[in-house]
Amino acid sequence: MQRVEAALSVSISDLRKSPSSVIESAQGEPVAILNHNRIMAYMVPADVYEAMLDRLDDLALIEIAKERAHEEGVPVHIDDL
């Protein structure tokens, strides 16, 4: 059985009938979209999605920084810049 990671779940047919009422009912929280009682997708508010992407970018940059932590810097004089 699938674990539902949202307080609200709706069938895809209910979403098609009235997407704005589903969004309103969610009150800014994620919504699990079901097709034949299986989770097919999650719908999240735009600001939550953007925050998730920002966090993924941050995690990728952290990995790059960790990989490069052992590298030595190159001495540069300020006048050479």
PDB file of N, CA and C in Angstrom:
ATOM      1  N   MET A   1       0.831  -1.183   0.000  1.00  0.00           N
ATOM      2  CA  MET A   1       0.000   0.000   0.000  1.00  0.00           C
ATOM      3  C   MET A   1       0.878   1.249   0.000  1.00  0.00           C
ATOM      4  N   GLN A   2       0.494   2.221  -0.809  1.00  0.00           N
ATOM      5  CA  GLN A   2       1.261   3.458  -0.906  1.00  0.00           C
ATOM      6  C   GLN A   2       1.039   4.338   0.317  1.00  0.00           C
ATOM      7  N   ARG A   3       2.073   5.028   0.683  1.00  0.00           N
ATOM      8  CA  ARG A   3       1.980   5.992   1.773  1.00  0.00           C
ATOM      9  C   ARG A   3       1.602   7.345   1.171  1.00  0.00           C
ATOM     10  N   VAL A   4       0.583   7.980   1.701  1.00  0.00           N
ATOM     11  CA  VAL A   4       0.126   9.273   1.193  1.00  0.00           C
ATOM     12  C   VAL A   4       0.824  10.376   1.975  1.00  0.00           C
ATOM     13  N   GLU A   5       1.555  11.219   1.260  1.00  0.00           N
ATOM     14  CA  GLU A   5       2.323  12.305   1.881  1.00  0.00           C
ATOM     15  C   GLU A   5       1.573  13.633   1.811  1.00  0.00           C
ATOM     16  N   ALA A   6       0.265  13.584   1.999  1.00  0.00           N
ATOM     17  CA  ALA A   6      -0.538  14.804   1.970  1.00  0.00           C
ATOM     18  C   ALA A   6      -1.778  14.595   2.842  1.00  0.00           C
ATOM     19  N   ALA A   7      -2.232  15.666   3.451  1.00  0.00           N
ATOM     20  CA  ALA A   7      -3.435  15.580   4.280  1.00  0.00           C
ATOM     21  C   ALA A   7      -4.684  15.445   3.414  1.00  0.00           C
ATOM     22  N   LEU A   8      -4.639  15.950   2.201  1.00  0.00           N
ATOM     23  CA  LEU A   8      -5.788  15.922   1.294  1.00  0.00           C
ATOM     24  C   LEU A   8      -5.446  15.092   0.068  1.00  0.00           C
ATOM     25  N   SER A   9      -6.366  14.226  -0.321  1.00  0.00           N
ATOM     26  CA  SER A   9      -6.203  13.484  -1.567  1.00  0.00           C
ATOM     27  C   SER A   9      -7.511  13.568  -2.346  1.00  0.00           C
ATOM     28  N   VAL A  10      -7.376  13.655  -3.669  1.00  0.00           N
ATOM     29  CA  VAL A  10      -8.546  13.733  -4.547  1.00  0.00           C
ATOM     30  C   VAL A  10      -8.311  12.857  -5.760  1.00  0.00           C
ATOM     31  N   SER A  11      -9.410  12.386  -6.315  1.00  0.00           N
ATOM     32  CA  SER A  11      -9.289  11.604  -7.546  1.00  0.00           C
ATOM     33  C   SER A  11      -9.004  12.553  -8.699  1.00  0.00           C
ATOM     34  N   ILE A  12      -8.407  12.024  -9.724  1.00  0.00           N
ATOM     35  CA  ILE A  12      -8.100  12.838 -10.889  1.00  0.00           C
ATOM     36  C   ILE A  12      -9.387  13.351 -11.538  1.00  0.00           C
ATOM     37  N   SER A  13     -10.454  12.561 -11.471  1.00  0.00           N
ATOM     38  CA  SER A  13     -11.725  13.017 -12.043  1.00  0.00           C
ATOM     39  C   SER A  13     -12.303  14.187 -11.249  1.00  0.00           C
ATOM     40  N   ASP A  14     -12.156  14.163  -9.904  1.00  0.00           N
ATOM     41  CA  ASP A  14     -12.610  15.308  -9.105  1.00  0.00           C
ATOM     42  C   ASP A  14     -11.765  16.542  -9.389  1.00  0.00           C
ATOM     43  N   LEU A  15     -10.490  16.330  -9.611  1.00  0.00           N
ATOM     44  CA  LEU A  15      -9.612  17.454  -9.949  1.00  0.00           C
ATOM     45  C   LEU A  15     -10.028  18.068 -11.279  1.00  0.00           C
ATOM     46  N   ARG A  16     -10.361  17.231 -12.253  1.00  0.00           N
ATOM     47  CA  ARG A  16     -10.803  17.727 -13.560  1.00  0.00           C
ATOM     48  C   ARG A  16     -12.103  18.520 -13.445  1.00  0.00           C
ATOM     49  N   LYS A  17     -13.011  18.053 -12.598  1.00  0.00           N
ATOM     50  CA  LYS A  17     -14.314  18.716 -12.443  1.00  0.00           C
ATOM     51  C   LYS A  17     -14.174  20.122 -11.871  1.00  0.00           C
ATOM     52  N   SER A  18     -13.319  20.259 -10.879  1.00  0.00           N
ATOM     53  CA  SER A  18     -13.233  21.553 -10.202  1.00  0.00           C
ATOM     54  C   SER A  18     -11.843  21.789  -9.606  1.00  0.00           C
ATOM     55  N   PRO A  19     -10.867  22.111 -10.442  1.00  0.00           N
ATOM     56  CA  PRO A  19      -9.514  22.318  -9.925  1.00  0.00           C
ATOM     57  C   PRO A  19      -9.421  23.460  -8.906  1.00  0.00           C
ATOM     58  N   SER A  20     -10.173  24.527  -9.131  1.00  0.00           N
ATOM     59  CA  SER A  20     -10.091  25.657  -8.203  1.00  0.00           C
ATOM     60  C   SER A  20     -10.625  25.296  -6.822  1.00  0.00           C
ATOM     61  N   SER A  21     -11.654  24.445  -6.740  1.00  0.00           N
ATOM     62  CA  SER A  21     -12.160  24.055  -5.424  1.00  0.00           C
ATOM     63  C   SER A  21     -11.172  23.138  -4.703  1.00  0.00           C
ATOM     64  N   VAL A  22     -10.442  22.314  -5.451  1.00  0.00           N
ATOM     65  CA  VAL A  22      -9.418  21.472  -4.834  1.00  0.00           C
ATOM     66  C   VAL A  22      -8.310  22.343  -4.267  1.00  0.00           C
ATOM     67  N   ILE A  23      -7.870  23.320  -5.042  1.00  0.00           N
ATOM     68  CA  ILE A  23      -6.817  24.228  -4.578  1.00  0.00           C
ATOM     69  C   ILE A  23      -7.278  24.977  -3.331  1.00  0.00           C
ATOM     70  N   GLU A  24      -8.510  25.437  -3.354  1.00  0.00           N
ATOM     71  CA  GLU A  24      -9.055  26.162  -2.199  1.00  0.00           C
ATOM     72  C   GLU A  24      -9.147  25.253  -0.977  1.00  0.00           C
ATOM     73  N   SER A  25      -9.580  24.028  -1.173  1.00  0.00           N
ATOM     74  CA  SER A  25      -9.706  23.074  -0.065  1.00  0.00           C
ATOM     75  C   SER A  25      -8.355  22.736   0.553  1.00  0.00           C
ATOM     76  N   ALA A  26      -7.335  22.758  -0.256  1.00  0.00           N
ATOM     77  CA  ALA A  26      -5.999  22.393   0.222  1.00  0.00           C
ATOM     78  C   ALA A  26      -5.418  23.428   1.170  1.00  0.00           C
ATOM     79  N   GLN A  27      -5.858  24.653   1.076  1.00  0.00           N
ATOM     80  CA  GLN A  27      -5.388  25.743   1.942  1.00  0.00           C
ATOM     81  C   GLN A  27      -3.862  25.831   1.996  1.00  0.00           C
ATOM     82  N   GLY A  28      -3.232  25.734   0.815  1.00  0.00           N
ATOM     83  CA  GLY A  28      -1.779  25.890   0.733  1.00  0.00           C
ATOM     84  C   GLY A  28      -0.978  24.637   1.032  1.00  0.00           C
ATOM     85  N   GLU A  29      -1.639  23.537   1.285  1.00  0.00           N
ATOM     86  CA  GLU A  29      -0.961  22.279   1.585  1.00  0.00           C
ATOM     87  C   GLU A  29      -0.892  21.408   0.326  1.00  0.00           C
ATOM     88  N   PRO A  30      -0.016  20.406   0.317  1.00  0.00           N
ATOM     89  CA  PRO A  30       0.052  19.490  -0.823  1.00  0.00           C
ATOM     90  C   PRO A  30      -1.234  18.677  -0.966  1.00  0.00           C
ATOM     91  N   VAL A  31      -1.510  18.270  -2.190  1.00  0.00           N
ATOM     92  CA  VAL A  31      -2.672  17.432  -2.486  1.00  0.00           C
ATOM     93  C   VAL A  31      -2.176  16.203  -3.244  1.00  0.00           C
ATOM     94  N   ALA A  32      -2.590  15.027  -2.782  1.00  0.00           N
ATOM     95  CA  ALA A  32      -2.276  13.792  -3.498  1.00  0.00           C
ATOM     96  C   ALA A  32      -3.350  13.583  -4.556  1.00  0.00           C
ATOM     97  N   ILE A  33      -2.919  13.352  -5.792  1.00  0.00           N
ATOM     98  CA  ILE A  33      -3.842  13.115  -6.900  1.00  0.00           C
ATOM     99  C   ILE A  33      -3.877  11.599  -7.145  1.00  0.00           C
ATOM    100  N   LEU A  34      -5.076  11.048  -7.077  1.00  0.00           N
ATOM    101  CA  LEU A  34      -5.250   9.601  -7.198  1.00  0.00           C
ATOM    102  C   LEU A  34      -5.869   9.217  -8.535  1.00  0.00           C
ATOM    103  N   ASN A  35      -5.412   8.103  -9.073  1.00  0.00           N
ATOM    104  CA  ASN A  35      -6.001   7.509 -10.265  1.00  0.00           C
ATOM    105  C   ASN A  35      -6.202   6.027  -9.945  1.00  0.00           C
ATOM    106  N   HIS A  36      -7.447   5.583  -9.892  1.00  0.00           N
ATOM    107  CA  HIS A  36      -7.778   4.215  -9.487  1.00  0.00           C
ATOM    108  C   HIS A  36      -7.174   3.895  -8.122  1.00  0.00           C
ATOM    109  N   ASN A  37      -7.322   4.856  -7.203  1.00  0.00           N
ATOM    110  CA  ASN A  37      -6.864   4.727  -5.812  1.00  0.00           C
ATOM    111  C   ASN A  37      -5.356   4.559  -5.660  1.00  0.00           C
ATOM    112  N   ARG A  38      -4.607   4.944  -6.671  1.00  0.00           N
ATOM    113  CA  ARG A  38      -3.150   4.954  -6.579  1.00  0.00           C
ATOM    114  C   ARG A  38      -2.664   6.384  -6.767  1.00  0.00           C
ATOM    115  N   ILE A  39      -1.678   6.766  -5.993  1.00  0.00           N
ATOM    116  CA  ILE A  39      -1.135   8.113  -6.101  1.00  0.00           C
ATOM    117  C   ILE A  39      -0.398   8.241  -7.419  1.00  0.00           C
ATOM    118  N   MET A  40      -0.828   9.194  -8.222  1.00  0.00           N
ATOM    119  CA  MET A  40      -0.203   9.437  -9.522  1.00  0.00           C
ATOM    120  C   MET A  40       0.657  10.700  -9.504  1.00  0.00           C
ATOM    121  N   ALA A  41       0.305  11.634  -8.600  1.00  0.00           N
ATOM    122  CA  ALA A  41       1.041  12.898  -8.550  1.00  0.00           C
ATOM    123  C   ALA A  41       0.707  13.622  -7.251  1.00  0.00           C
ATOM    124  N   TYR A  42       1.524  14.608  -6.967  1.00  0.00           N
ATOM    125  CA  TYR A  42       1.241  15.533  -5.878  1.00  0.00           C
ATOM    126  C   TYR A  42       1.147  16.924  -6.471  1.00  0.00           C
ATOM    127  N   MET A  43       0.221  17.678  -5.983  1.00  0.00           N
ATOM    128  CA  MET A  43       0.059  19.063  -6.410  1.00  0.00           C
ATOM    129  C   MET A  43       0.435  19.935  -5.209  1.00  0.00           C
ATOM    130  N   VAL A  44       1.382  20.834  -5.428  1.00  0.00           N
ATOM    131  CA  VAL A  44       1.827  21.721  -4.353  1.00  0.00           C
ATOM    132  C   VAL A  44       1.722  23.166  -4.817  1.00  0.00           C
ATOM    133  N   PRO A  45       1.563  24.102  -3.875  1.00  0.00           N
ATOM    134  CA  PRO A  45       1.536  25.514  -4.256  1.00  0.00           C
ATOM    135  C   PRO A  45       2.853  25.932  -4.907  1.00  0.00           C
ATOM    136  N   ALA A  46       2.776  26.946  -5.751  1.00  0.00           N
ATOM    137  CA  ALA A  46       3.953  27.403  -6.494  1.00  0.00           C
ATOM    138  C   ALA A  46       5.105  27.777  -5.570  1.00  0.00           C
ATOM    139  N   ASP A  47       4.829  28.457  -4.461  1.00  0.00           N
ATOM    140  CA  ASP A  47       5.919  28.873  -3.574  1.00  0.00           C
ATOM    141  C   ASP A  47       6.597  27.670  -2.919  1.00  0.00           C
ATOM    142  N   VAL A  48       5.851  26.626  -2.634  1.00  0.00           N
ATOM    143  CA  VAL A  48       6.438  25.409  -2.072  1.00  0.00           C
ATOM    144  C   VAL A  48       7.313  24.724  -3.115  1.00  0.00           C
ATOM    145  N   TYR A  49       6.840  24.637  -4.339  1.00  0.00           N
ATOM    146  CA  TYR A  49       7.617  24.023  -5.422  1.00  0.00           C
ATOM    147  C   TYR A  49       8.918  24.786  -5.641  1.00  0.00           C
ATOM    148  N   GLU A  50       8.833  26.116  -5.675  1.00  0.00           N
ATOM    149  CA  GLU A  50      10.032  26.930  -5.882  1.00  0.00           C
ATOM    150  C   GLU A  50      11.016  26.754  -4.730  1.00  0.00           C
ATOM    151  N   ALA A  51      10.511  26.657  -3.497  1.00  0.00           N
ATOM    152  CA  ALA A  51      11.380  26.437  -2.340  1.00  0.00           C
ATOM    153  C   ALA A  51      12.056  25.070  -2.428  1.00  0.00           C
ATOM    154  N   MET A  52      11.323  24.064  -2.913  1.00  0.00           N
ATOM    155  CA  MET A  52      11.909  22.732  -3.089  1.00  0.00           C
ATOM    156  C   MET A  52      13.044  22.771  -4.108  1.00  0.00           C
ATOM    157  N   LEU A  53      12.835  23.464  -5.216  1.00  0.00           N
ATOM    158  CA  LEU A  53      13.882  23.570  -6.236  1.00  0.00           C
ATOM    159  C   LEU A  53      15.102  24.308  -5.694  1.00  0.00           C
ATOM    160  N   ASP A  54      14.866  25.385  -4.934  1.00  0.00           N
ATOM    161  CA  ASP A  54      15.975  26.118  -4.322  1.00  0.00           C
ATOM    162  C   ASP A  54      16.773  25.208  -3.390  1.00  0.00           C
ATOM    163  N   ARG A  55      16.061  24.406  -2.612  1.00  0.00           N
ATOM    164  CA  ARG A  55      16.733  23.500  -1.672  1.00  0.00           C
ATOM    165  C   ARG A  55      17.556  22.449  -2.425  1.00  0.00           C
ATOM    166  N   LEU A  56      17.009  21.912  -3.506  1.00  0.00           N
ATOM    167  CA  LEU A  56      17.763  20.948  -4.307  1.00  0.00           C
ATOM    168  C   LEU A  56      19.013  21.579  -4.905  1.00  0.00           C
ATOM    169  N   ASP A  57      18.894  22.828  -5.366  1.00  0.00           N
ATOM    170  CA  ASP A  57      20.066  23.546  -5.884  1.00  0.00           C
ATOM    171  C   ASP A  57      21.117  23.710  -4.792  1.00  0.00           C
ATOM    172  N   ASP A  58      20.659  24.074  -3.582  1.00  0.00           N
ATOM    173  CA  ASP A  58      21.581  24.245  -2.462  1.00  0.00           C
ATOM    174  C   ASP A  58      22.311  22.937  -2.145  1.00  0.00           C
ATOM    175  N   LEU A  59      21.569  21.833  -2.147  1.00  0.00           N
ATOM    176  CA  LEU A  59      22.188  20.537  -1.860  1.00  0.00           C
ATOM    177  C   LEU A  59      23.224  20.168  -2.916  1.00  0.00           C
ATOM    178  N   ALA A  60      22.942  20.478  -4.163  1.00  0.00           N
ATOM    179  CA  ALA A  60      23.904  20.212  -5.236  1.00  0.00           C
ATOM    180  C   ALA A  60      25.167  21.055  -5.042  1.00  0.00           C
ATOM    181  N   LEU A  61      25.007  22.309  -4.670  1.00  0.00           N
ATOM    182  CA  LEU A  61      26.167  23.180  -4.432  1.00  0.00           C
ATOM    183  C   LEU A  61      26.978  22.715  -3.231  1.00  0.00           C
ATOM    184  N   ILE A  62      26.302  22.206  -2.219  1.00  0.00           N
ATOM    185  CA  ILE A  62      27.015  21.671  -1.052  1.00  0.00           C
ATOM    186  C   ILE A  62      27.886  20.494  -1.461  1.00  0.00           C
ATOM    187  N   GLU A  63      27.366  19.629  -2.307  1.00  0.00           N
ATOM    188  CA  GLU A  63      28.142  18.483  -2.780  1.00  0.00           C
ATOM    189  C   GLU A  63      29.367  18.932  -3.572  1.00  0.00           C
ATOM    190  N   ILE A  64      29.204  19.946  -4.422  1.00  0.00           N
ATOM    191  CA  ILE A  64      30.338  20.477  -5.188  1.00  0.00           C
ATOM    192  C   ILE A  64      31.379  21.045  -4.239  1.00  0.00           C
ATOM    193  N   ALA A  65      30.935  21.785  -3.237  1.00  0.00           N
ATOM    194  CA  ALA A  65      31.866  22.372  -2.270  1.00  0.00           C
ATOM    195  C   ALA A  65      32.615  21.288  -1.503  1.00  0.00           C
ATOM    196  N   LYS A  66      31.919  20.225  -1.122  1.00  0.00           N
ATOM    197  CA  LYS A  66      32.585  19.127  -0.415  1.00  0.00           C
ATOM    198  C   LYS A  66      33.634  18.461  -1.301  1.00  0.00           C
ATOM    199  N   GLU A  67      33.312  18.267  -2.580  1.00  0.00           N
ATOM    200  CA  GLU A  67      34.256  17.649  -3.506  1.00  0.00           C
ATOM    201  C   GLU A  67      35.504  18.507  -3.695  1.00  0.00           C
ATOM    202  N   ARG A  68      35.327  19.806  -3.629  1.00  0.00           N
ATOM    203  CA  ARG A  68      36.443  20.720  -3.875  1.00  0.00           C
ATOM    204  C   ARG A  68      37.138  21.176  -2.602  1.00  0.00           C
ATOM    205  N   ALA A  69      36.702  20.733  -1.445  1.00  0.00           N
ATOM    206  CA  ALA A  69      37.238  21.206  -0.166  1.00  0.00           C
ATOM    207  C   ALA A  69      38.725  20.899  -0.014  1.00  0.00           C
ATOM    208  N   HIS A  70      39.195  19.833  -0.608  1.00  0.00           N
ATOM    209  CA  HIS A  70      40.604  19.442  -0.470  1.00  0.00           C
ATOM    210  C   HIS A  70      41.522  20.179  -1.444  1.00  0.00           C
ATOM    211  N   GLU A  71      40.954  20.868  -2.413  1.00  0.00           N
ATOM    212  CA  GLU A  71      41.770  21.558  -3.415  1.00  0.00           C
ATOM    213  C   GLU A  71      42.475  22.770  -2.802  1.00  0.00           C
ATOM    214  N   GLU A  72      43.661  23.018  -3.303  1.00  0.00           N
ATOM    215  CA  GLU A  72      44.401  24.204  -2.855  1.00  0.00           C
ATOM    216  C   GLU A  72      44.057  25.378  -3.748  1.00  0.00           C
ATOM    217  N   GLY A  73      44.025  26.554  -3.164  1.00  0.00           N
ATOM    218  CA  GLY A  73      43.741  27.763  -3.917  1.00  0.00           C
ATOM    219  C   GLY A  73      44.934  28.197  -4.759  1.00  0.00           C
ATOM    220  N   VAL A  74      44.687  29.104  -5.671  1.00  0.00           N
ATOM    221  CA  VAL A  74      45.736  29.650  -6.517  1.00  0.00           C
ATOM    222  C   VAL A  74      46.014  31.067  -6.030  1.00  0.00           C
ATOM    223  N   PRO A  75      47.266  31.372  -5.690  1.00  0.00           N
ATOM    224  CA  PRO A  75      47.557  32.728  -5.219  1.00  0.00           C
ATOM    225  C   PRO A  75      47.360  33.747  -6.347  1.00  0.00           C
ATOM    226  N   VAL A  76      46.635  34.795  -6.040  1.00  0.00           N
ATOM    227  CA  VAL A  76      46.354  35.861  -7.017  1.00  0.00           C
ATOM    228  C   VAL A  76      46.563  37.197  -6.314  1.00  0.00           C
ATOM    229  N   HIS A  77      47.225  38.103  -7.008  1.00  0.00           N
ATOM    230  CA  HIS A  77      47.404  39.458  -6.468  1.00  0.00           C
ATOM    231  C   HIS A  77      46.225  40.303  -6.929  1.00  0.00           C
ATOM    232  N   ILE A  78      45.742  41.153  -6.076  1.00  0.00           N
ATOM    233  CA  ILE A  78      44.550  41.954  -6.377  1.00  0.00           C
ATOM    234  C   ILE A  78      44.731  42.801  -7.615  1.00  0.00           C
ATOM    235  N   ASP A  79      45.938  43.256  -7.906  1.00  0.00           N
ATOM    236  CA  ASP A  79      46.178  44.081  -9.089  1.00  0.00           C
ATOM    237  C   ASP A  79      46.095  43.283 -10.388  1.00  0.00           C
ATOM    238  N   ASP A  80      46.191  41.951 -10.272  1.00  0.00           N
ATOM    239  CA  ASP A  80      46.101  41.103 -11.460  1.00  0.00           C
ATOM    240  C   ASP A  80      44.664  40.859 -11.898  1.00  0.00           C
ATOM    241  N   LEU A  81      43.728  41.231 -11.052  1.00  0.00           N
ATOM    242  CA  LEU A  81      42.323  40.968 -11.375  1.00  0.00           C
ATOM    243  C   LEU A  81      41.760  41.984 -12.302  1.00  0.00           C
TER     244      LEU A  81
END
